[in-house]
Every structure is written in structure tokens, then in C-alpha cells.
Amino acid sequence: MSEIFTLTNLWVMLILISPIGAFQNHRTGATLYYGLLIANKQDLEFSSRGLQDSLTDPKYNWLFFLIQGVRAILIVALFYYGGFTHGISSVIVVFLIAYTLTKKVFPPPSSRFWLRGILKSLVNREADYRRNNDHMRADALAEIRQRLVDLTQING
């Protein structure tokens, strides 16, 4: 078991998992951007995030928390097995990877890339709700999807 916790293995796992965490964090920023874009005054009174929660696919929440948890465990393990220097270095590496990917690789939150993914998720979830005879949720998602389509066609 101690072979799993060698410093090299911990570093490799951290470096491999950090881009996935950065992608998920950036996707969350995109759903926030579009959730605020389509929110009306009533939506904003109810939640300062607008309709972000409606745009976020609940199937991926477990993955988000799993990746963030594994990253945290790896950082703590690097502190434990490698000492203060490895621990602080791991935190810096995670932030550098996230910063580099966010600024140089991933499209901005207002990009059509994120919009297509959000619309695909909304269409799939709406179809799932209709198939399960949950028409109230399906109609709510249809309204949100239509707001998103209408506003993004007007704005570009």
C-alpha cells in the first residue's frame, strides 16, 4: 500500500487530475455566465446565481465533487509524505495548471462551445423528464432552453 503513496505517484496523479478539475471549474463559470444572462429580475431575487443551477446537469455533480475531493486528498498526502515543501508546491502547481488552462486553452465562459454543451444537456434532460412523465420539469427546462436560445441569437 505504501507504494501507492510514493511522492512520484502522488505527483503524477495530481498532475493528471488537475486539468479535469480545472475544466470542471471553468464549466461552472460558463453555466454561471449563461445562468445570469437568461435570468430575469424575479430569478435574481430568488438566487444571486440566476438560473445556473437549472443549467447545470445534476449527473455531473458527483464527478465534480469526486475530482475536487481527490485533488484535496492528493495535496494533503503530499503534505504528509513530502513535507511542507511538497505540499505548498502541489498547491502552486494546481493553481498554475488551472490558470494556464483557463487563460490559454479553454474558451471563455461566453463562448459558443459552452453554450452548445449547455443546450445539449437541457435537451437531453427535457427528453428524459418527458419520457418519465415529469411534464412540469420538462416544461420548465423547455422554457429555460428557449430563453437561452432567444437571448443568445439576439446577442450574437
C-alpha atoms as a PDB file:
ATOM      1  CA  MET A   1       0.000   0.000   0.000  1.00  0.00           C
ATOM      2  CA  SER A   2       2.858   2.388   0.730  1.00  0.00           C
ATOM      3  CA  GLU A   3       3.947   2.122  -2.926  1.00  0.00           C
ATOM      4  CA  ILE A   4       0.783   3.965  -3.927  1.00  0.00           C
ATOM      5  CA  PHE A   5       1.762   6.848  -1.696  1.00  0.00           C
ATOM      6  CA  THR A   6       5.242   7.433  -3.054  1.00  0.00           C
ATOM      7  CA  LEU A   7       5.903  11.044  -3.901  1.00  0.00           C
ATOM      8  CA  THR A   8       6.258  10.306  -7.608  1.00  0.00           C
ATOM      9  CA  ASN A   9       2.896   8.549  -7.787  1.00  0.00           C
ATOM     10  CA  LEU A  10       1.203  11.341  -5.854  1.00  0.00           C
ATOM     11  CA  TRP A  11       2.672  13.976  -8.159  1.00  0.00           C
ATOM     12  CA  VAL A  12       1.699  12.063 -11.307  1.00  0.00           C
ATOM     13  CA  MET A  13      -1.872  11.587 -10.081  1.00  0.00           C
ATOM     14  CA  LEU A  14      -2.133  15.264  -9.110  1.00  0.00           C
ATOM     15  CA  ILE A  15      -0.814  16.456 -12.462  1.00  0.00           C
ATOM     16  CA  LEU A  16      -3.156  14.112 -14.347  1.00  0.00           C
ATOM     17  CA  ILE A  17      -6.276  15.029 -12.372  1.00  0.00           C
ATOM     18  CA  SER A  18      -5.728  18.793 -12.147  1.00  0.00           C
ATOM     19  CA  PRO A  19      -6.716  19.592 -15.762  1.00  0.00           C
ATOM     20  CA  ILE A  20     -10.015  17.735 -15.244  1.00  0.00           C
ATOM     21  CA  GLY A  21     -10.707  19.793 -12.132  1.00  0.00           C
ATOM     22  CA  ALA A  22      -9.779  22.996 -13.953  1.00  0.00           C
ATOM     23  CA  PHE A  23     -12.148  22.091 -16.803  1.00  0.00           C
ATOM     24  CA  GLN A  24     -14.987  21.450 -14.384  1.00  0.00           C
ATOM     25  CA  ASN A  25     -14.371  24.710 -12.543  1.00  0.00           C
ATOM     26  CA  HIS A  26     -14.328  26.619 -15.821  1.00  0.00           C
ATOM     27  CA  ARG A  27     -17.534  24.907 -16.970  1.00  0.00           C
ATOM     28  CA  THR A  28     -19.129  26.052 -13.718  1.00  0.00           C
ATOM     29  CA  GLY A  29     -18.137  29.612 -14.634  1.00  0.00           C
ATOM     30  CA  ALA A  30     -19.780  29.174 -18.024  1.00  0.00           C
ATOM     31  CA  THR A  31     -23.057  27.958 -16.510  1.00  0.00           C
ATOM     32  CA  LEU A  32     -22.940  30.938 -14.156  1.00  0.00           C
ATOM     33  CA  TYR A  33     -22.426  33.312 -17.098  1.00  0.00           C
ATOM     34  CA  TYR A  34     -25.374  31.897 -19.053  1.00  0.00           C
ATOM     35  CA  GLY A  35     -27.482  31.469 -15.903  1.00  0.00           C
ATOM     36  CA  LEU A  36     -27.137  35.186 -15.186  1.00  0.00           C
ATOM     37  CA  LEU A  37     -27.662  36.095 -18.852  1.00  0.00           C
ATOM     38  CA  ILE A  38     -31.089  34.468 -19.050  1.00  0.00           C
ATOM     39  CA  ALA A  39     -32.247  35.350 -15.534  1.00  0.00           C
ATOM     40  CA  ASN A  40     -34.967  37.913 -15.098  1.00  0.00           C
ATOM     41  CA  LYS A  41     -35.438  40.158 -12.065  1.00  0.00           C
ATOM     42  CA  GLN A  42     -37.516  37.566 -10.183  1.00  0.00           C
ATOM     43  CA  ASP A  43     -34.899  34.882 -10.754  1.00  0.00           C
ATOM     44  CA  LEU A  44     -32.177  37.159  -9.403  1.00  0.00           C
ATOM     45  CA  GLU A  45     -34.234  37.984  -6.307  1.00  0.00           C
ATOM     46  CA  PHE A  46     -34.538  34.262  -5.628  1.00  0.00           C
ATOM     47  CA  SER A  47     -30.877  33.410  -6.315  1.00  0.00           C
ATOM     48  CA  SER A  48     -27.862  35.623  -6.969  1.00  0.00           C
ATOM     49  CA  ARG A  49     -26.620  32.941  -9.397  1.00  0.00           C
ATOM     50  CA  GLY A  50     -29.665  33.350 -11.610  1.00  0.00           C
ATOM     51  CA  LEU A  51     -30.554  30.104 -13.344  1.00  0.00           C
ATOM     52  CA  GLN A  52     -27.119  28.493 -13.040  1.00  0.00           C
ATOM     53  CA  ASP A  53     -28.475  25.534 -11.097  1.00  0.00           C
ATOM     54  CA  SER A  54     -31.016  24.825 -13.838  1.00  0.00           C
ATOM     55  CA  LEU A  55     -28.303  24.870 -16.493  1.00  0.00           C
ATOM     56  CA  THR A  56     -26.017  22.528 -14.551  1.00  0.00           C
ATOM     57  CA  ASP A  57     -26.584  18.857 -15.291  1.00  0.00           C
ATOM     58  CA  PRO A  58     -27.064  17.095 -11.925  1.00  0.00           C
ATOM     59  CA  LYS A  59     -25.485  13.910 -13.311  1.00  0.00           C
ATOM     60  CA  TYR A  60     -22.099  15.609 -13.270  1.00  0.00           C
ATOM     61  CA  ASN A  61     -22.252  16.924  -9.711  1.00  0.00           C
ATOM     62  CA  TRP A  62     -20.883  13.691  -8.292  1.00  0.00           C
ATOM     63  CA  LEU A  63     -17.959  13.852 -10.725  1.00  0.00           C
ATOM     64  CA  PHE A  64     -17.222  17.447  -9.759  1.00  0.00           C
ATOM     65  CA  PHE A  65     -17.088  16.611  -6.060  1.00  0.00           C
ATOM     66  CA  LEU A  66     -15.126  13.409  -6.681  1.00  0.00           C
ATOM     67  CA  ILE A  67     -12.417  15.215  -8.653  1.00  0.00           C
ATOM     68  CA  GLN A  68     -12.193  18.071  -6.147  1.00  0.00           C
ATOM     69  CA  GLY A  69     -12.037  15.583  -3.272  1.00  0.00           C
ATOM     70  CA  VAL A  70      -9.312  13.511  -4.896  1.00  0.00           C
ATOM     71  CA  ARG A  71      -7.312  16.664  -5.592  1.00  0.00           C
ATOM     72  CA  ALA A  72      -7.617  17.705  -1.951  1.00  0.00           C
ATOM     73  CA  ILE A  73      -6.602  14.225  -0.743  1.00  0.00           C
ATOM     74  CA  LEU A  74      -3.568  14.264  -3.042  1.00  0.00           C
ATOM     75  CA  ILE A  75      -2.486  17.666  -1.732  1.00  0.00           C
ATOM     76  CA  VAL A  76      -2.888  16.517   1.876  1.00  0.00           C
ATOM     77  CA  ALA A  77      -0.952  13.322   1.069  1.00  0.00           C
ATOM     78  CA  LEU A  78       1.846  15.385  -0.461  1.00  0.00           C
ATOM     79  CA  PHE A  79       1.978  17.471   2.716  1.00  0.00           C
ATOM     80  CA  TYR A  80       2.032  14.294   4.822  1.00  0.00           C
ATOM     81  CA  TYR A  81       4.537  12.221   2.819  1.00  0.00           C
ATOM     82  CA  GLY A  82       6.626  15.004   1.300  1.00  0.00           C
ATOM     83  CA  GLY A  83       6.534  17.669   3.942  1.00  0.00           C
ATOM     84  CA  PHE A  84       5.783  21.348   3.741  1.00  0.00           C
ATOM     85  CA  THR A  85       7.773  21.940   0.544  1.00  0.00           C
ATOM     86  CA  HIS A  86       5.928  19.285  -1.471  1.00  0.00           C
ATOM     87  CA  GLY A  87       2.584  20.364  -0.032  1.00  0.00           C
ATOM     88  CA  ILE A  88       2.991  24.034  -0.887  1.00  0.00           C
ATOM     89  CA  SER A  89       4.460  23.123  -4.275  1.00  0.00           C
ATOM     90  CA  SER A  90       1.413  20.962  -5.017  1.00  0.00           C
ATOM     91  CA  VAL A  91      -0.954  23.826  -4.264  1.00  0.00           C
ATOM     92  CA  ILE A  92       1.063  26.135  -6.520  1.00  0.00           C
ATOM     93  CA  VAL A  93       1.134  23.544  -9.321  1.00  0.00           C
ATOM     94  CA  VAL A  94      -2.646  23.057  -9.136  1.00  0.00           C
ATOM     95  CA  PHE A  95      -3.221  26.808  -9.400  1.00  0.00           C
ATOM     96  CA  LEU A  96      -0.692  27.195 -12.233  1.00  0.00           C
ATOM     97  CA  ILE A  97      -2.295  24.383 -14.225  1.00  0.00           C
ATOM     98  CA  ALA A  98      -5.752  25.860 -13.694  1.00  0.00           C
ATOM     99  CA  TYR A  99      -4.601  29.388 -14.542  1.00  0.00           C
ATOM    100  CA  THR A 100      -2.762  28.313 -17.686  1.00  0.00           C
ATOM    101  CA  LEU A 101      -5.628  26.203 -18.987  1.00  0.00           C
ATOM    102  CA  THR A 102      -8.222  28.850 -18.160  1.00  0.00           C
ATOM    103  CA  LYS A 103      -6.338  31.707 -19.815  1.00  0.00           C
ATOM    104  CA  LYS A 104      -4.664  29.931 -22.739  1.00  0.00           C
ATOM    105  CA  VAL A 105      -6.592  26.765 -23.621  1.00  0.00           C
ATOM    106  CA  PHE A 106     -10.246  26.809 -22.555  1.00  0.00           C
ATOM    107  CA  PRO A 107     -12.663  29.088 -24.387  1.00  0.00           C
ATOM    108  CA  PRO A 108     -14.120  31.999 -22.401  1.00  0.00           C
ATOM    109  CA  PRO A 109     -17.373  31.386 -20.484  1.00  0.00           C
ATOM    110  CA  SER A 110     -19.336  33.343 -23.116  1.00  0.00           C
ATOM    111  CA  SER A 111     -18.128  31.012 -25.888  1.00  0.00           C
ATOM    112  CA  ARG A 112     -20.439  29.045 -28.169  1.00  0.00           C
ATOM    113  CA  PHE A 113     -18.515  25.929 -27.061  1.00  0.00           C
ATOM    114  CA  TRP A 114     -20.074  26.097 -23.601  1.00  0.00           C
ATOM    115  CA  LEU A 115     -23.447  27.203 -24.999  1.00  0.00           C
ATOM    116  CA  ARG A 116     -23.674  24.103 -27.224  1.00  0.00           C
ATOM    117  CA  GLY A 117     -22.875  21.843 -24.271  1.00  0.00           C
ATOM    118  CA  ILE A 118     -25.447  23.539 -22.052  1.00  0.00           C
ATOM    119  CA  LEU A 119     -28.141  23.354 -24.749  1.00  0.00           C
ATOM    120  CA  LYS A 120     -27.390  19.675 -25.391  1.00  0.00           C
ATOM    121  CA  SER A 121     -27.700  18.959 -21.676  1.00  0.00           C
ATOM    122  CA  LEU A 122     -31.001  20.846 -21.459  1.00  0.00           C
ATOM    123  CA  VAL A 123     -32.455  18.998 -24.456  1.00  0.00           C
ATOM    124  CA  ASN A 124     -31.386  15.604 -23.079  1.00  0.00           C
ATOM    125  CA  ARG A 125     -32.737  16.295 -19.592  1.00  0.00           C
ATOM    126  CA  GLU A 126     -36.002  17.621 -21.017  1.00  0.00           C
ATOM    127  CA  ALA A 127     -36.388  14.444 -23.082  1.00  0.00           C
ATOM    128  CA  ASP A 128     -35.649  12.298 -20.019  1.00  0.00           C
ATOM    129  CA  TYR A 129     -38.287  14.151 -17.992  1.00  0.00           C
ATOM    130  CA  ARG A 130     -40.865  13.787 -20.769  1.00  0.00           C
ATOM    131  CA  ARG A 131     -40.090  10.073 -21.080  1.00  0.00           C
ATOM    132  CA  ASN A 132     -40.646   9.726 -17.311  1.00  0.00           C
ATOM    133  CA  ASN A 133     -43.920  11.711 -17.498  1.00  0.00           C
ATOM    134  CA  ASP A 134     -42.479  14.540 -15.390  1.00  0.00           C
ATOM    135  CA  HIS A 135     -44.068  17.250 -17.527  1.00  0.00           C
ATOM    136  CA  MET A 136     -43.642  20.049 -15.001  1.00  0.00           C
ATOM    137  CA  ARG A 137     -39.843  19.749 -15.022  1.00  0.00           C
ATOM    138  CA  ALA A 138     -39.764  19.152 -18.764  1.00  0.00           C
ATOM    139  CA  ASP A 139     -41.804  22.314 -19.390  1.00  0.00           C
ATOM    140  CA  ALA A 140     -39.553  24.322 -17.057  1.00  0.00           C
ATOM    141  CA  LEU A 141     -36.457  23.149 -18.924  1.00  0.00           C
ATOM    142  CA  ALA A 142     -38.122  23.907 -22.254  1.00  0.00           C
ATOM    143  CA  GLU A 143     -38.787  27.471 -21.079  1.00  0.00           C
ATOM    144  CA  ILE A 144     -35.198  27.890 -19.871  1.00  0.00           C
ATOM    145  CA  ARG A 145     -33.846  26.426 -23.114  1.00  0.00           C
ATOM    146  CA  GLN A 146     -35.999  28.796 -25.146  1.00  0.00           C
ATOM    147  CA  ARG A 147     -34.807  31.799 -23.113  1.00  0.00           C
ATOM    148  CA  LEU A 148     -31.236  30.761 -23.727  1.00  0.00           C
ATOM    149  CA  VAL A 149     -31.775  30.300 -27.458  1.00  0.00           C
ATOM    150  CA  ASP A 150     -33.623  33.629 -27.769  1.00  0.00           C
ATOM    151  CA  LEU A 151     -31.047  35.674 -25.869  1.00  0.00           C
ATOM    152  CA  THR A 152     -28.008  34.137 -27.494  1.00  0.00           C
ATOM    153  CA  GLN A 153     -29.437  34.666 -31.008  1.00  0.00           C
ATOM    154  CA  ILE A 154     -30.064  38.335 -30.213  1.00  0.00           C
ATOM    155  CA  ASN A 155     -26.637  38.894 -28.652  1.00  0.00           C
ATOM    156  CA  GLY A 156     -24.566  37.135 -31.209  1.00  0.00           C
END
